[in-house]
């Protein structure tokens, strides 16, 4: 057996360099308004409770306090997240044109950073893919479509929009469409069809993940069902028109087939 080799020796690995750098950054910032000992204690409590830099920054203010952070620390972290969101939203505007769902995600994702509640956001484009409007449309469940649908139609008419992306988030769930999401998309697609605007995609964000109605084939299926319903309504209107004309000419209702 070769000498100099210590079998059974284990080395305890420390945290990855990037994680240690983030910890030191937070500690340095905490020390700007807390004493060094209190800053280190609060940081350790938060890391033990939330497990990561990202989870600390996106945690609700009340949860941070319950985990052991002072109210001043919790307020600072919330404001830091809001500043980061504002920066990312402004940076996203540097995109000259939106060509597809991927580029739409880059613009819309910052709207949902650190959000605790479900939001509906809208991105409106002209015919060349240039951004005309991008903002949160409503706060609350996506099933509240009767509340925000008139506002969406109003914005589309005001900006003379041709292409629309909508997005909402699942704060504590999976990036997977629910029944309410599908029904709401159908209502929105029908409303946009009436003003000659096109729903390019409905995106659902959940943490770092997202799903696209278009890539899943749901938009096409919804569009087909709307086209069939539209044809049925046209046929019903045609039959009613014929009945009214017959009644006017003959003084009685035309027998139905």
Protein backbone atom coordinates (compact mmCIF):
# COMPACT_ATOMS: atom_id res chain seq x y z
CA UNK A 1 0.00 0.00 0.00
CA UNK A 2 1.39 3.39 -0.94
CA UNK A 3 2.39 5.55 1.98
CA UNK A 4 1.20 9.12 2.48
CA UNK A 5 -2.40 8.43 1.57
CA UNK A 6 -4.90 8.92 4.37
CA UNK A 7 -7.84 6.68 3.67
CA UNK A 8 -11.12 7.62 5.23
CA UNK A 9 -10.31 11.35 5.39
CA UNK A 10 -13.28 13.60 4.53
CA UNK A 11 -13.14 17.29 3.67
CA UNK A 12 -16.10 19.50 4.53
CA UNK A 13 -16.86 21.65 1.54
CA UNK A 14 -17.97 25.20 2.12
CA UNK A 15 -20.72 26.99 0.20
CA UNK A 16 -20.12 27.74 -3.50
CA UNK A 17 -18.18 30.98 -4.13
CA UNK A 18 -21.20 32.76 -5.65
CA UNK A 19 -23.37 31.87 -2.64
CA UNK A 20 -20.70 33.10 -0.23
CA UNK A 21 -20.43 36.32 -2.25
CA UNK A 22 -24.19 36.92 -1.99
CA UNK A 23 -24.11 36.26 1.75
CA UNK A 24 -21.27 38.72 2.24
CA UNK A 25 -23.13 41.31 0.15
CA UNK A 26 -26.25 41.02 2.30
CA UNK A 27 -24.19 41.11 5.46
CA UNK A 28 -22.41 44.27 4.32
CA UNK A 29 -25.73 45.95 3.55
CA UNK A 30 -27.28 44.86 6.86
CA UNK A 31 -24.26 46.29 8.70
CA UNK A 32 -25.09 49.72 7.24
CA UNK A 33 -28.08 50.00 9.57
CA UNK A 34 -27.45 47.22 12.16
CA UNK A 35 -24.55 46.38 14.38
CA UNK A 36 -22.22 43.64 13.02
CA UNK A 37 -23.37 41.03 15.52
CA UNK A 38 -27.09 41.73 15.02
CA UNK A 39 -26.64 41.85 11.24
CA UNK A 40 -24.96 38.43 11.19
CA UNK A 41 -27.61 36.97 13.51
CA UNK A 42 -30.53 38.20 11.41
CA UNK A 43 -28.90 37.02 8.19
CA UNK A 44 -28.33 33.53 9.61
CA UNK A 45 -31.96 33.36 10.76
CA UNK A 46 -33.22 34.34 7.30
CA UNK A 47 -30.94 31.93 5.47
CA UNK A 48 -31.98 29.08 7.76
CA UNK A 49 -35.64 29.90 7.24
CA UNK A 50 -35.72 30.66 3.48
CA UNK A 51 -32.65 28.81 2.25
CA UNK A 52 -31.50 31.12 -0.52
CA UNK A 53 -30.74 34.70 -1.47
CA UNK A 54 -33.63 34.78 -3.94
CA UNK A 55 -36.17 33.40 -1.47
CA UNK A 56 -35.20 36.04 1.09
CA UNK A 57 -35.63 38.89 -1.40
CA UNK A 58 -39.03 37.67 -2.64
CA UNK A 59 -40.50 36.68 0.74
CA UNK A 60 -43.45 38.73 2.07
CA UNK A 61 -42.47 41.38 4.57
CA UNK A 62 -44.57 39.77 7.31
CA UNK A 63 -42.86 36.40 6.81
CA UNK A 64 -39.44 38.03 7.14
CA UNK A 65 -40.43 39.50 10.50
CA UNK A 66 -41.79 36.15 11.68
CA UNK A 67 -38.48 34.54 10.71
CA UNK A 68 -36.58 36.89 13.01
CA UNK A 69 -35.81 39.96 10.89
CA UNK A 70 -36.40 43.38 12.35
CA UNK A 71 -39.12 45.53 10.77
CA UNK A 72 -36.38 47.78 9.38
CA UNK A 73 -34.63 44.83 7.73
CA UNK A 74 -37.89 43.45 6.30
CA UNK A 75 -38.84 46.86 4.89
CA UNK A 76 -35.38 47.27 3.35
CA UNK A 77 -35.60 43.86 1.63
CA UNK A 78 -39.07 44.61 0.23
CA UNK A 79 -37.90 47.98 -1.11
CA UNK A 80 -34.82 46.34 -2.63
CA UNK A 81 -37.08 43.92 -4.53
CA UNK A 82 -39.23 46.81 -5.77
CA UNK A 83 -36.11 48.65 -6.95
CA UNK A 84 -34.90 45.52 -8.75
CA UNK A 85 -38.29 45.12 -10.43
CA UNK A 86 -38.26 48.76 -11.58
CA UNK A 87 -34.76 48.34 -12.99
CA UNK A 88 -35.64 45.13 -14.86
CA UNK A 89 -38.82 46.66 -16.28
CA UNK A 90 -36.91 49.67 -17.58
CA UNK A 91 -34.14 47.46 -18.95
CA UNK A 92 -36.71 45.28 -20.74
CA UNK A 93 -37.94 48.33 -22.65
CA UNK A 94 -34.64 48.39 -24.51
CA UNK A 95 -35.98 45.56 -26.68
CA UNK A 96 -36.86 47.27 -29.95
CA UNK A 97 -39.32 44.67 -31.18
CA UNK A 98 -41.18 41.61 -29.92
CA UNK A 99 -41.06 38.74 -32.37
CA UNK A 100 -42.20 35.73 -30.36
CA UNK A 101 -43.19 34.37 -26.97
CA UNK A 102 -39.58 34.24 -25.76
CA UNK A 103 -39.00 37.95 -26.33
CA UNK A 104 -42.43 38.74 -24.85
CA UNK A 105 -41.41 36.82 -21.70
CA UNK A 106 -38.27 38.95 -21.36
CA UNK A 107 -40.43 42.08 -21.28
CA UNK A 108 -43.28 40.77 -19.10
CA UNK A 109 -41.47 38.63 -16.52
CA UNK A 110 -40.16 41.59 -14.44
CA UNK A 111 -43.77 42.63 -13.77
CA UNK A 112 -44.16 39.57 -11.56
CA UNK A 113 -40.91 39.71 -9.59
CA UNK A 114 -41.63 39.26 -5.88
CA UNK A 115 -45.41 39.47 -6.34
CA UNK A 116 -47.42 37.72 -3.64
CA UNK A 117 -50.81 37.98 -5.38
CA UNK A 118 -52.04 36.87 -8.77
CA UNK A 119 -51.75 39.58 -11.44
CA UNK A 120 -52.82 39.96 -15.05
CA UNK A 121 -50.45 41.90 -17.33
CA UNK A 122 -50.84 42.90 -20.97
CA UNK A 123 -48.37 43.67 -23.75
CA UNK A 124 -49.68 45.55 -26.80
CA UNK A 125 -47.78 45.73 -30.10
CA UNK A 126 -48.23 47.44 -33.42
CA UNK A 127 -47.92 45.65 -36.74
CA UNK A 128 -44.10 45.92 -36.67
CA UNK A 129 -43.79 44.31 -33.25
CA UNK A 130 -43.00 47.57 -31.46
CA UNK A 131 -44.19 47.97 -27.87
CA UNK A 132 -47.11 50.35 -27.48
CA UNK A 133 -48.12 49.43 -23.93
CA UNK A 134 -46.91 47.03 -21.24
CA UNK A 135 -48.30 47.09 -17.72
CA UNK A 136 -50.31 45.29 -15.05
CA UNK A 137 -53.95 45.23 -16.09
CA UNK A 138 -55.53 43.92 -12.90
CA UNK A 139 -54.75 42.28 -9.58
CA UNK A 140 -56.67 39.17 -8.57
CA UNK A 141 -57.69 35.84 -10.00
CA UNK A 142 -57.58 35.36 -13.77
CA UNK A 143 -61.19 34.16 -13.50
CA UNK A 144 -62.17 37.81 -12.90
CA UNK A 145 -62.13 38.32 -16.67
CA UNK A 146 -65.50 40.24 -16.74
CA UNK A 147 -63.83 42.93 -14.61
CA UNK A 148 -60.72 43.57 -16.69
CA UNK A 149 -61.96 42.59 -20.18
CA UNK A 150 -63.54 46.03 -20.92
CA UNK A 151 -60.29 47.71 -19.86
CA UNK A 152 -58.31 45.47 -22.21
CA UNK A 153 -60.61 46.20 -25.15
CA UNK A 154 -60.46 49.93 -24.37
CA UNK A 155 -56.64 49.89 -24.42
CA UNK A 156 -56.57 47.96 -27.70
CA UNK A 157 -58.89 50.46 -29.37
CA UNK A 158 -57.03 53.46 -27.96
CA UNK A 159 -53.64 52.24 -29.19
CA UNK A 160 -55.02 50.80 -32.45
CA UNK A 161 -53.41 47.49 -31.54
CA UNK A 162 -52.96 44.51 -33.83
CA UNK A 163 -51.12 42.05 -31.55
CA UNK A 164 -51.75 41.26 -27.88
CA UNK A 165 -49.87 39.17 -25.33
CA UNK A 166 -51.41 38.53 -21.93
CA UNK A 167 -49.70 36.99 -18.91
CA UNK A 168 -50.51 36.13 -15.34
CA UNK A 169 -48.72 34.40 -12.50
CA UNK A 170 -49.29 31.43 -10.21
CA UNK A 171 -47.53 32.69 -7.05
CA UNK A 172 -47.67 29.40 -5.19
CA UNK A 173 -48.40 26.91 -7.94
CA UNK A 174 -47.18 25.33 -11.16
CA UNK A 175 -46.91 26.97 -14.55
CA UNK A 176 -49.80 24.89 -15.85
CA UNK A 177 -53.13 26.23 -17.19
CA UNK A 178 -56.18 25.66 -15.01
CA UNK A 179 -59.76 25.35 -16.24
CA UNK A 180 -60.34 29.00 -15.28
CA UNK A 181 -57.26 30.04 -17.26
CA UNK A 182 -58.59 28.33 -20.39
CA UNK A 183 -62.10 29.79 -20.00
CA UNK A 184 -60.68 33.28 -19.42
CA UNK A 185 -58.48 32.98 -22.52
CA UNK A 186 -61.49 32.00 -24.59
CA UNK A 187 -63.43 35.09 -23.39
CA UNK A 188 -60.48 37.36 -24.15
CA UNK A 189 -59.88 35.85 -27.58
CA UNK A 190 -63.55 36.33 -28.46
CA UNK A 191 -63.48 39.98 -27.34
CA UNK A 192 -60.33 40.71 -29.36
CA UNK A 193 -61.80 39.00 -32.41
CA UNK A 194 -64.60 41.56 -32.36
CA UNK A 195 -62.15 44.48 -32.71
CA UNK A 196 -59.78 42.80 -35.22
CA UNK A 197 -56.98 42.33 -32.69
CA UNK A 198 -55.00 39.10 -32.42
CA UNK A 199 -54.12 37.28 -29.20
CA UNK A 200 -50.60 36.07 -29.89
CA UNK A 201 -50.15 34.17 -26.62
CA UNK A 202 -51.21 33.74 -23.01
CA UNK A 203 -48.21 33.15 -20.73
CA UNK A 204 -48.30 31.79 -17.19
CA UNK A 205 -45.33 32.49 -14.90
CA UNK A 206 -44.53 30.44 -11.80
CA UNK A 207 -41.16 31.25 -10.29
CA UNK A 208 -38.46 30.66 -12.90
CA UNK A 209 -40.80 28.53 -15.01
CA UNK A 210 -43.45 29.56 -17.53
CA UNK A 211 -45.83 27.97 -20.00
CA UNK A 212 -47.25 29.23 -23.26
CA UNK A 213 -50.78 28.57 -24.51
CA UNK A 214 -49.48 28.81 -28.07
CA UNK A 215 -46.68 26.26 -27.66
CA UNK A 216 -49.14 23.89 -25.94
CA UNK A 217 -51.56 24.16 -28.88
CA UNK A 218 -54.32 25.59 -26.66
CA UNK A 219 -54.69 28.87 -28.57
CA UNK A 220 -55.29 26.99 -31.81
CA UNK A 221 -57.92 24.76 -30.20
CA UNK A 222 -59.68 27.75 -28.62
CA UNK A 223 -59.56 29.60 -31.94
CA UNK A 224 -61.12 26.67 -33.78
CA UNK A 225 -63.98 26.44 -31.29
CA UNK A 226 -64.59 30.19 -31.61
CA UNK A 227 -64.66 29.97 -35.41
CA UNK A 228 -67.24 27.17 -35.22
CA UNK A 229 -69.36 29.17 -32.79
CA UNK A 230 -69.04 32.25 -34.98
CA UNK A 231 -70.32 30.29 -38.01
CA UNK A 232 -73.27 28.95 -36.00
CA UNK A 233 -74.20 32.46 -34.93
CA UNK A 234 -73.99 33.71 -38.53
CA UNK A 235 -76.24 30.88 -39.69
CA UNK A 236 -78.74 31.58 -36.90
CA UNK A 237 -78.78 35.28 -37.84
CA UNK A 238 -79.32 34.37 -41.51
CA UNK A 239 -82.30 32.17 -40.67
CA UNK A 240 -83.78 34.89 -38.45
CA UNK A 241 -83.35 37.43 -41.23
CA UNK A 242 -85.16 35.14 -43.69
CA UNK A 243 -88.01 34.64 -41.22
CA UNK A 244 -88.42 38.38 -40.75
CA UNK A 245 -88.40 39.02 -44.51
CA UNK A 246 -90.97 36.26 -45.07
CA UNK A 247 -93.20 37.66 -42.34
CA UNK A 248 -92.97 41.13 -43.82
CA UNK A 249 -93.87 39.91 -47.29
CA UNK A 250 -96.60 37.44 -46.32
CA UNK A 251 -97.89 38.84 -43.08
CA UNK A 252 -97.04 35.72 -41.12
CA UNK A 253 -94.07 33.87 -39.75
CA UNK A 254 -92.22 31.56 -42.09
CA UNK A 255 -92.50 27.91 -41.04
CA UNK A 256 -89.28 26.68 -39.43
CA UNK A 257 -87.48 23.68 -40.89
